[in-house]
Every structure is written in structure tokens, then in C-alpha cells.
Amino acid sequence: KNTDQTASELLITSGTVSVQLTSISRKLGVSGRAALV
């Protein structure tokens, strides 16, 4: 899923998805969506 699809399915904003991904990146210590997964 891309940002907009994720936001739509979770009933949150695209901005919230982006903020969550940034936080996940910090927590996991990696960047890039493929590396996060």
C-alpha cells in the first residue's frame, strides 16, 4: 500500500502515515520503506 491507500484504509491522514513512518525509521534505525519492512 502507498501512503494514501494506507491512510484511507486506516482512516487516518496521509500526514499521520508519514509521521508514523518517520518514527518507525528512528525506532528501527533504518531508512527507506523496503528496509523498514
Full PDB file with SEQRES, HELIX, SHEET, SSBOND, CRYST1, ORIGX, SCALE, CONECT and MASTER records, all heavy atoms in Angstrom:
SEQRES   1 A   37  LYS ASN THR ASP GLN THR ALA SER GLU LEU LEU ILE THR          
SEQRES   2 A   37  SER GLY THR VAL SER VAL GLN LEU THR SER ILE SER ARG          
SEQRES   3 A   37  LYS LEU GLY VAL SER GLY ARG ALA ALA LEU VAL                  
HELIX    1 AA1 THR A    3  LEU A   10  1                                   8    
HELIX    2 AA2 SER A   14  LEU A   28  1                                  15    
HELIX    3 AA3 ARG A   33  LEU A   36  1                                   4    
CRYST1    1.000    1.000    1.000  90.00  90.00  90.00 P 1           1          
ORIGX1      1.000000  0.000000  0.000000        0.00000                         
ORIGX2      0.000000  1.000000  0.000000        0.00000                         
ORIGX3      0.000000  0.000000  1.000000        0.00000                         
SCALE1      1.000000  0.000000  0.000000        0.00000                         
SCALE2      0.000000  1.000000  0.000000        0.00000                         
SCALE3      0.000000  0.000000  1.000000        0.00000                         
ATOM      1  N   LYS A   1       0.841  -1.200   0.000  1.00  0.00           N  
ATOM      2  CA  LYS A   1       0.000   0.000   0.000  1.00  0.00           C  
ATOM      3  C   LYS A   1       0.873   1.246   0.000  1.00  0.00           C  
ATOM      4  O   LYS A   1       1.921   1.282   0.645  1.00  0.00           O  
ATOM      5  CB  LYS A   1      -0.920   0.030   1.232  1.00  0.00           C  
ATOM      6  CG  LYS A   1      -1.780  -1.208   1.411  1.00  0.00           C  
ATOM      7  CD  LYS A   1      -2.762  -1.368   0.294  1.00  0.00           C  
ATOM      8  CE  LYS A   1      -3.611  -2.612   0.514  1.00  0.00           C  
ATOM      9  NZ  LYS A   1      -4.518  -2.867  -0.551  1.00  0.00           N  
ATOM     10  N   ASN A   2       0.431   2.285  -0.703  1.00  0.00           N  
ATOM     11  CA  ASN A   2       1.155   3.549  -0.659  1.00  0.00           C  
ATOM     12  C   ASN A   2       0.604   4.396   0.489  1.00  0.00           C  
ATOM     13  O   ASN A   2      -0.293   3.960   1.222  1.00  0.00           O  
ATOM     14  CB  ASN A   2       1.078   4.275  -2.016  1.00  0.00           C  
ATOM     15  CG  ASN A   2      -0.335   4.689  -2.384  1.00  0.00           C  
ATOM     16  OD1 ASN A   2      -1.183   4.965  -1.538  1.00  0.00           O  
ATOM     17  ND2 ASN A   2      -0.606   4.723  -3.683  1.00  0.00           N  
ATOM     18  N   THR A   3       1.115   5.583   0.640  1.00  0.00           N  
ATOM     19  CA  THR A   3       0.717   6.444   1.758  1.00  0.00           C  
ATOM     20  C   THR A   3      -0.780   6.716   1.752  1.00  0.00           C  
ATOM     21  O   THR A   3      -1.450   6.571   2.782  1.00  0.00           O  
ATOM     22  CB  THR A   3       1.502   7.770   1.715  1.00  0.00           C  
ATOM     23  OG1 THR A   3       2.895   7.478   1.815  1.00  0.00           O  
ATOM     24  CG2 THR A   3       1.097   8.703   2.841  1.00  0.00           C  
ATOM     25  N   ASP A   4      -1.319   7.109   0.606  1.00  0.00           N  
ATOM     26  CA  ASP A   4      -2.746   7.447   0.535  1.00  0.00           C  
ATOM     27  C   ASP A   4      -3.627   6.224   0.786  1.00  0.00           C  
ATOM     28  O   ASP A   4      -4.643   6.322   1.477  1.00  0.00           O  
ATOM     29  CB  ASP A   4      -3.090   8.081  -0.816  1.00  0.00           C  
ATOM     30  CG  ASP A   4      -2.493   9.475  -0.965  1.00  0.00           C  
ATOM     31  OD1 ASP A   4      -2.215  10.128   0.059  1.00  0.00           O  
ATOM     32  OD2 ASP A   4      -2.305   9.909  -2.117  1.00  0.00           O  
ATOM     33  N   GLN A   5      -3.272   5.083   0.229  1.00  0.00           N  
ATOM     34  CA  GLN A   5      -4.048   3.855   0.449  1.00  0.00           C  
ATOM     35  C   GLN A   5      -4.013   3.452   1.926  1.00  0.00           C  
ATOM     36  O   GLN A   5      -5.036   3.069   2.496  1.00  0.00           O  
ATOM     37  CB  GLN A   5      -3.492   2.708  -0.402  1.00  0.00           C  
ATOM     38  CG  GLN A   5      -3.708   2.890  -1.880  1.00  0.00           C  
ATOM     39  CD  GLN A   5      -2.876   1.919  -2.699  1.00  0.00           C  
ATOM     40  OE1 GLN A   5      -1.759   1.552  -2.324  1.00  0.00           O  
ATOM     41  NE2 GLN A   5      -3.421   1.492  -3.843  1.00  0.00           N  
ATOM     42  N   THR A   6      -2.848   3.554   2.526  1.00  0.00           N  
ATOM     43  CA  THR A   6      -2.695   3.219   3.947  1.00  0.00           C  
ATOM     44  C   THR A   6      -3.554   4.137   4.794  1.00  0.00           C  
ATOM     45  O   THR A   6      -4.288   3.682   5.679  1.00  0.00           O  
ATOM     46  CB  THR A   6      -1.210   3.308   4.371  1.00  0.00           C  
ATOM     47  OG1 THR A   6      -0.457   2.369   3.602  1.00  0.00           O  
ATOM     48  CG2 THR A   6      -1.031   3.024   5.844  1.00  0.00           C  
ATOM     49  N   ALA A   7      -3.485   5.421   4.515  1.00  0.00           N  
ATOM     50  CA  ALA A   7      -4.271   6.399   5.268  1.00  0.00           C  
ATOM     51  C   ALA A   7      -5.764   6.111   5.125  1.00  0.00           C  
ATOM     52  O   ALA A   7      -6.499   6.097   6.116  1.00  0.00           O  
ATOM     53  CB  ALA A   7      -3.957   7.810   4.778  1.00  0.00           C  
ATOM     54  N   SER A   8      -6.198   5.870   3.910  1.00  0.00           N  
ATOM     55  CA  SER A   8      -7.610   5.608   3.658  1.00  0.00           C  
ATOM     56  C   SER A   8      -8.094   4.358   4.387  1.00  0.00           C  
ATOM     57  O   SER A   8      -9.152   4.361   5.028  1.00  0.00           O  
ATOM     58  CB  SER A   8      -7.833   5.462   2.150  1.00  0.00           C  
ATOM     59  OG  SER A   8      -9.166   5.129   1.870  1.00  0.00           O  
ATOM     60  N   GLU A   9      -7.310   3.286   4.302  1.00  0.00           N  
ATOM     61  CA  GLU A   9      -7.716   2.025   4.934  1.00  0.00           C  
ATOM     62  C   GLU A   9      -7.702   2.101   6.459  1.00  0.00           C  
ATOM     63  O   GLU A   9      -8.484   1.428   7.122  1.00  0.00           O  
ATOM     64  CB  GLU A   9      -6.832   0.886   4.453  1.00  0.00           C  
ATOM     65  CG  GLU A   9      -7.108   0.525   3.007  1.00  0.00           C  
ATOM     66  CD  GLU A   9      -6.307  -0.670   2.516  1.00  0.00           C  
ATOM     67  OE1 GLU A   9      -5.806  -1.455   3.341  1.00  0.00           O  
ATOM     68  OE2 GLU A   9      -6.193  -0.812   1.276  1.00  0.00           O  
ATOM     69  N   LEU A  10      -6.809   2.925   7.009  1.00  0.00           N  
ATOM     70  CA  LEU A  10      -6.719   3.041   8.472  1.00  0.00           C  
ATOM     71  C   LEU A  10      -7.515   4.221   9.020  1.00  0.00           C  
ATOM     72  O   LEU A  10      -7.507   4.467  10.227  1.00  0.00           O  
ATOM     73  CB  LEU A  10      -5.248   3.153   8.895  1.00  0.00           C  
ATOM     74  CG  LEU A  10      -4.383   1.929   8.609  1.00  0.00           C  
ATOM     75  CD1 LEU A  10      -2.934   2.196   8.997  1.00  0.00           C  
ATOM     76  CD2 LEU A  10      -4.920   0.694   9.334  1.00  0.00           C  
ATOM     77  N   LEU A  11      -8.156   4.962   8.110  1.00  0.00           N  
ATOM     78  CA  LEU A  11      -8.961   6.122   8.488  1.00  0.00           C  
ATOM     79  C   LEU A  11      -8.144   7.159   9.246  1.00  0.00           C  
ATOM     80  O   LEU A  11      -8.554   7.694  10.283  1.00  0.00           O  
ATOM     81  CB  LEU A  11     -10.186   5.700   9.312  1.00  0.00           C  
ATOM     82  CG  LEU A  11     -11.113   4.680   8.638  1.00  0.00           C  
ATOM     83  CD1 LEU A  11     -12.210   4.238   9.586  1.00  0.00           C  
ATOM     84  CD2 LEU A  11     -11.689   5.237   7.350  1.00  0.00           C  
ATOM     85  N   ILE A  12      -6.951   7.431   8.704  1.00  0.00           N  
ATOM     86  CA  ILE A  12      -6.083   8.479   9.239  1.00  0.00           C  
ATOM     87  C   ILE A  12      -5.637   9.344   8.065  1.00  0.00           C  
ATOM     88  O   ILE A  12      -5.942   9.037   6.914  1.00  0.00           O  
ATOM     89  CB  ILE A  12      -4.858   7.882   9.981  1.00  0.00           C  
ATOM     90  CG1 ILE A  12      -4.042   6.962   9.060  1.00  0.00           C  
ATOM     91  CG2 ILE A  12      -5.295   7.139  11.240  1.00  0.00           C  
ATOM     92  CD1 ILE A  12      -2.788   6.361   9.691  1.00  0.00           C  
ATOM     93  N   THR A  13      -4.915  10.412   8.339  1.00  0.00           N  
ATOM     94  CA  THR A  13      -4.459  11.278   7.254  1.00  0.00           C  
ATOM     95  C   THR A  13      -3.142  10.776   6.677  1.00  0.00           C  
ATOM     96  O   THR A  13      -2.402  10.029   7.331  1.00  0.00           O  
ATOM     97  CB  THR A  13      -4.248  12.727   7.750  1.00  0.00           C  
ATOM     98  OG1 THR A  13      -3.133  12.742   8.659  1.00  0.00           O  
ATOM     99  CG2 THR A  13      -5.502  13.273   8.417  1.00  0.00           C  
ATOM    100  N   SER A  14      -2.843  11.205   5.473  1.00  0.00           N  
ATOM    101  CA  SER A  14      -1.567  10.875   4.841  1.00  0.00           C  
ATOM    102  C   SER A  14      -0.412  11.426   5.668  1.00  0.00           C  
ATOM    103  O   SER A  14       0.647  10.797   5.770  1.00  0.00           O  
ATOM    104  CB  SER A  14      -1.503  11.440   3.422  1.00  0.00           C  
ATOM    105  OG  SER A  14      -2.482  10.831   2.618  1.00  0.00           O  
ATOM    106  N   GLY A  15      -0.624  12.594   6.252  1.00  0.00           N  
ATOM    107  CA  GLY A  15       0.403  13.192   7.109  1.00  0.00           C  
ATOM    108  C   GLY A  15       0.705  12.317   8.310  1.00  0.00           C  
ATOM    109  O   GLY A  15       1.864  12.182   8.715  1.00  0.00           O  
ATOM    110  N   THR A  16      -0.337  11.710   8.876  1.00  0.00           N  
ATOM    111  CA  THR A  16      -0.137  10.822  10.024  1.00  0.00           C  
ATOM    112  C   THR A  16       0.665   9.594   9.611  1.00  0.00           C  
ATOM    113  O   THR A  16       1.552   9.145  10.338  1.00  0.00           O  
ATOM    114  CB  THR A  16      -1.495  10.409  10.633  1.00  0.00           C  
ATOM    115  OG1 THR A  16      -2.164  11.585  11.079  1.00  0.00           O  
ATOM    116  CG2 THR A  16      -1.315   9.444  11.788  1.00  0.00           C  
ATOM    117  N   VAL A  17       0.384   9.063   8.433  1.00  0.00           N  
ATOM    118  CA  VAL A  17       1.158   7.918   7.926  1.00  0.00           C  
ATOM    119  C   VAL A  17       2.629   8.317   7.814  1.00  0.00           C  
ATOM    120  O   VAL A  17       3.520   7.588   8.272  1.00  0.00           O  
ATOM    121  CB  VAL A  17       0.616   7.425   6.564  1.00  0.00           C  
ATOM    122  CG1 VAL A  17       1.559   6.395   5.940  1.00  0.00           C  
ATOM    123  CG2 VAL A  17      -0.781   6.854   6.720  1.00  0.00           C  
ATOM    124  N   SER A  18       2.899   9.476   7.250  1.00  0.00           N  
ATOM    125  CA  SER A  18       4.281   9.933   7.079  1.00  0.00           C  
ATOM    126  C   SER A  18       4.982  10.127   8.417  1.00  0.00           C  
ATOM    127  O   SER A  18       6.142   9.732   8.582  1.00  0.00           O  
ATOM    128  CB  SER A  18       4.310  11.237   6.287  1.00  0.00           C  
ATOM    129  OG  SER A  18       3.826  11.012   4.983  1.00  0.00           O  
ATOM    130  N   VAL A  19       4.273  10.697   9.378  1.00  0.00           N  
ATOM    131  CA  VAL A  19       4.845  10.890  10.717  1.00  0.00           C  
ATOM    132  C   VAL A  19       5.141   9.538  11.361  1.00  0.00           C  
ATOM    133  O   VAL A  19       6.202   9.339  11.972  1.00  0.00           O  
ATOM    134  CB  VAL A  19       3.905  11.739  11.600  1.00  0.00           C  
ATOM    135  CG1 VAL A  19       4.311  11.693  13.061  1.00  0.00           C  
ATOM    136  CG2 VAL A  19       3.877  13.177  11.107  1.00  0.00           C  
ATOM    137  N   GLN A  20       4.219   8.591  11.209  1.00  0.00           N  
ATOM    138  CA  GLN A  20       4.423   7.256  11.777  1.00  0.00           C  
ATOM    139  C   GLN A  20       5.650   6.586  11.141  1.00  0.00           C  
ATOM    140  O   GLN A  20       6.457   5.956  11.839  1.00  0.00           O  
ATOM    141  CB  GLN A  20       3.187   6.373  11.572  1.00  0.00           C  
ATOM    142  CG  GLN A  20       1.979   6.808  12.370  1.00  0.00           C  
ATOM    143  CD  GLN A  20       2.089   6.474  13.853  1.00  0.00           C  
ATOM    144  OE1 GLN A  20       3.164   6.304  14.405  1.00  0.00           O  
ATOM    145  NE2 GLN A  20       0.947   6.384  14.506  1.00  0.00           N  
ATOM    146  N   LEU A  21       5.783   6.704   9.830  1.00  0.00           N  
ATOM    147  CA  LEU A  21       6.923   6.087   9.146  1.00  0.00           C  
ATOM    148  C   LEU A  21       8.251   6.712   9.589  1.00  0.00           C  
ATOM    149  O   LEU A  21       9.253   5.999   9.750  1.00  0.00           O  
ATOM    150  CB  LEU A  21       6.759   6.173   7.629  1.00  0.00           C  
ATOM    151  CG  LEU A  21       5.662   5.277   7.053  1.00  0.00           C  
ATOM    152  CD1 LEU A  21       5.424   5.600   5.579  1.00  0.00           C  
ATOM    153  CD2 LEU A  21       5.995   3.807   7.234  1.00  0.00           C  
ATOM    154  N   THR A  22       8.253   8.016   9.818  1.00  0.00           N  
ATOM    155  CA  THR A  22       9.460   8.681  10.321  1.00  0.00           C  
ATOM    156  C   THR A  22       9.814   8.166  11.709  1.00  0.00           C  
ATOM    157  O   THR A  22      10.981   7.876  11.999  1.00  0.00           O  
ATOM    158  CB  THR A  22       9.250  10.213  10.347  1.00  0.00           C  
ATOM    159  OG1 THR A  22       9.001  10.664   9.016  1.00  0.00           O  
ATOM    160  CG2 THR A  22      10.461  10.936  10.922  1.00  0.00           C  
ATOM    161  N   SER A  23       8.810   8.016  12.538  1.00  0.00           N  
ATOM    162  CA  SER A  23       9.032   7.498  13.891  1.00  0.00           C  
ATOM    163  C   SER A  23       9.516   6.047  13.859  1.00  0.00           C  
ATOM    164  O   SER A  23      10.421   5.657  14.603  1.00  0.00           O  
ATOM    165  CB  SER A  23       7.742   7.617  14.706  1.00  0.00           C  
ATOM    166  OG  SER A  23       7.946   7.144  16.009  1.00  0.00           O  
ATOM    167  N   ILE A  24       8.921   5.245  12.978  1.00  0.00           N  
ATOM    168  CA  ILE A  24       9.331   3.845  12.817  1.00  0.00           C  
ATOM    169  C   ILE A  24      10.797   3.794  12.377  1.00  0.00           C  
ATOM    170  O   ILE A  24      11.577   2.987  12.884  1.00  0.00           O  
ATOM    171  CB  ILE A  24       8.425   3.121  11.789  1.00  0.00           C  
ATOM    172  CG1 ILE A  24       7.001   2.988  12.335  1.00  0.00           C  
ATOM    173  CG2 ILE A  24       8.996   1.755  11.429  1.00  0.00           C  
ATOM    174  CD1 ILE A  24       5.971   2.584  11.278  1.00  0.00           C  
ATOM    175  N   SER A  25      11.165   4.656  11.455  1.00  0.00           N  
ATOM    176  CA  SER A  25      12.537   4.709  10.961  1.00  0.00           C  
ATOM    177  C   SER A  25      13.513   4.995  12.101  1.00  0.00           C  
ATOM    178  O   SER A  25      14.556   4.345  12.217  1.00  0.00           O  
ATOM    179  CB  SER A  25      12.649   5.784   9.883  1.00  0.00           C  
ATOM    180  OG  SER A  25      13.944   5.840   9.368  1.00  0.00           O  
ATOM    181  N   ARG A  26      13.162   5.937  12.954  1.00  0.00           N  
ATOM    182  CA  ARG A  26      14.012   6.256  14.108  1.00  0.00           C  
ATOM    183  C   ARG A  26      14.121   5.067  15.053  1.00  0.00           C  
ATOM    184  O   ARG A  26      15.204   4.732  15.523  1.00  0.00           O  
ATOM    185  CB  ARG A  26      13.464   7.467  14.860  1.00  0.00           C  
ATOM    186  CG  ARG A  26      14.108   8.752  14.440  1.00  0.00           C  
ATOM    187  CD  ARG A  26      13.751   9.912  15.334  1.00  0.00           C  
ATOM    188  NE  ARG A  26      12.988  10.848  14.527  1.00  0.00           N  
ATOM    189  CZ  ARG A  26      11.707  11.123  14.666  1.00  0.00           C  
ATOM    190  NH1 ARG A  26      11.006  10.600  15.629  1.00  0.00           N  
ATOM    191  NH2 ARG A  26      11.108  11.969  13.868  1.00  0.00           N  
ATOM    192  N   LYS A  27      13.001   4.421  15.318  1.00  0.00           N  
ATOM    193  CA  LYS A  27      12.992   3.297  16.253  1.00  0.00           C  
ATOM    194  C   LYS A  27      13.774   2.099  15.733  1.00  0.00           C  
ATOM    195  O   LYS A  27      14.464   1.427  16.492  1.00  0.00           O  
ATOM    196  CB  LYS A  27      11.559   2.862  16.573  1.00  0.00           C  
ATOM    197  CG  LYS A  27      10.858   3.774  17.551  1.00  0.00           C  
ATOM    198  CD  LYS A  27       9.499   3.213  17.906  1.00  0.00           C  
ATOM    199  CE  LYS A  27       8.835   4.018  19.005  1.00  0.00           C  
ATOM    200  NZ  LYS A  27       7.552   3.407  19.399  1.00  0.00           N  
ATOM    201  N   LEU A  28      13.660   1.826  14.438  1.00  0.00           N  
ATOM    202  CA  LEU A  28      14.338   0.663  13.868  1.00  0.00           C  
ATOM    203  C   LEU A  28      15.764   0.976  13.417  1.00  0.00           C  
ATOM    204  O   LEU A  28      16.543   0.071  13.151  1.00  0.00           O  
ATOM    205  CB  LEU A  28      13.528   0.077  12.705  1.00  0.00           C  
ATOM    206  CG  LEU A  28      12.153  -0.484  13.072  1.00  0.00           C  
ATOM    207  CD1 LEU A  28      11.456  -1.035  11.837  1.00  0.00           C  
ATOM    208  CD2 LEU A  28      12.256  -1.550  14.149  1.00  0.00           C  
ATOM    209  N   GLY A  29      16.069   2.258  13.297  1.00  0.00           N  
ATOM    210  CA  GLY A  29      17.421   2.658  12.936  1.00  0.00           C  
ATOM    211  C   GLY A  29      17.761   2.496  11.471  1.00  0.00           C  
ATOM    212  O   GLY A  29      18.935   2.423  11.115  1.00  0.00           O  
ATOM    213  N   VAL A  30      16.752   2.414  10.626  1.00  0.00           N  
ATOM    214  CA  VAL A  30      16.968   2.284   9.181  1.00  0.00           C  
ATOM    215  C   VAL A  30      16.069   3.265   8.452  1.00  0.00           C  
ATOM    216  O   VAL A  30      15.099   3.778   9.022  1.00  0.00           O  
ATOM    217  CB  VAL A  30      16.701   0.844   8.674  1.00  0.00           C  
ATOM    218  CG1 VAL A  30      17.658  -0.134   9.316  1.00  0.00           C  
ATOM    219  CG2 VAL A  30      15.277   0.416   8.909  1.00  0.00           C  
ATOM    220  N   SER A  31      16.388   3.526   7.192  1.00  0.00           N  
ATOM    221  CA  SER A  31      15.530   4.413   6.410  1.00  0.00           C  
ATOM    222  C   SER A  31      15.144   3.738   5.106  1.00  0.00           C  
ATOM    223  O   SER A  31      15.823   2.815   4.650  1.00  0.00           O  
ATOM    224  CB  SER A  31      16.235   5.748   6.143  1.00  0.00           C  
ATOM    225  OG  SER A  31      17.408   5.522   5.410  1.00  0.00           O  
ATOM    226  N   GLY A  32      14.071   4.203   4.552  1.00  0.00           N  
ATOM    227  CA  GLY A  32      13.534   3.621   3.332  1.00  0.00           C  
ATOM    228  C   GLY A  32      12.484   2.581   3.680  1.00  0.00           C  
ATOM    229  O   GLY A  32      12.686   1.761   4.579  1.00  0.00           O  
ATOM    230  N   ARG A  33      11.390   2.621   2.985  1.00  0.00           N  
ATOM    231  CA  ARG A  33      10.266   1.737   3.306  1.00  0.00           C  
ATOM    232  C   ARG A  33      10.610   0.258   3.174  1.00  0.00           C  
ATOM    233  O   ARG A  33      10.181  -0.555   3.982  1.00  0.00           O  
ATOM    234  CB  ARG A  33       9.056   2.093   2.445  1.00  0.00           C  
ATOM    235  CG  ARG A  33       8.486   3.450   2.821  1.00  0.00           C  
ATOM    236  CD  ARG A  33       7.347   3.855   1.930  1.00  0.00           C  
ATOM    237  NE  ARG A  33       6.930   5.214   2.275  1.00  0.00           N  
ATOM    238  CZ  ARG A  33       5.701   5.648   2.217  1.00  0.00           C  
ATOM    239  NH1 ARG A  33       4.733   4.851   1.784  1.00  0.00           N  
ATOM    240  NH2 ARG A  33       5.401   6.870   2.552  1.00  0.00           N  
ATOM    241  N   ALA A  34      11.371  -0.106   2.164  1.00  0.00           N  
ATOM    242  CA  ALA A  34      11.741  -1.518   1.994  1.00  0.00           C  
ATOM    243  C   ALA A  34      12.562  -1.989   3.192  1.00  0.00           C  
ATOM    244  O   ALA A  34      12.323  -3.070   3.734  1.00  0.00           O  
ATOM    245  CB  ALA A  34      12.517  -1.708   0.696  1.00  0.00           C  
ATOM    246  N   ALA A  35      13.516  -1.182   3.631  1.00  0.00           N  
ATOM    247  CA  ALA A  35      14.346  -1.539   4.785  1.00  0.00           C  
ATOM    248  C   ALA A  35      13.527  -1.568   6.070  1.00  0.00           C  
ATOM    249  O   ALA A  35      13.772  -2.410   6.945  1.00  0.00           O  
ATOM    250  CB  ALA A  35      15.509  -0.562   4.924  1.00  0.00           C  
ATOM    251  N   LEU A  36      12.548  -0.684   6.191  1.00  0.00           N  
ATOM    252  CA  LEU A  36      11.667  -0.692   7.371  1.00  0.00           C  
ATOM    253  C   LEU A  36      10.907  -2.009   7.459  1.00  0.00           C  
ATOM    254  O   LEU A  36      10.815  -2.618   8.526  1.00  0.00           O  
ATOM    255  CB  LEU A  36      10.675   0.470   7.325  1.00  0.00           C  
ATOM    256  CG  LEU A  36      11.228   1.865   7.522  1.00  0.00           C  
ATOM    257  CD1 LEU A  36      10.117   2.899   7.358  1.00  0.00           C  
ATOM    258  CD2 LEU A  36      11.893   2.004   8.872  1.00  0.00           C  
ATOM    259  N   VAL A  37      10.368  -2.430   6.330  1.00  0.00           N  
ATOM    260  CA  VAL A  37       9.614  -3.688   6.293  1.00  0.00           C  
ATOM    261  C   VAL A  37      10.539  -4.856   6.654  1.00  0.00           C  
ATOM    262  O   VAL A  37      10.198  -5.692   7.489  1.00  0.00           O  
ATOM    263  CB  VAL A  37       8.949  -3.892   4.906  1.00  0.00           C  
ATOM    264  CG1 VAL A  37       8.403  -5.302   4.757  1.00  0.00           C  
ATOM    265  CG2 VAL A  37       7.838  -2.858   4.700  1.00  0.00           C  
TER     266      VAL A  37                                                      
MASTER        0    0    0    3    0    0    0    6  265    1    0    3          
END                                                                             
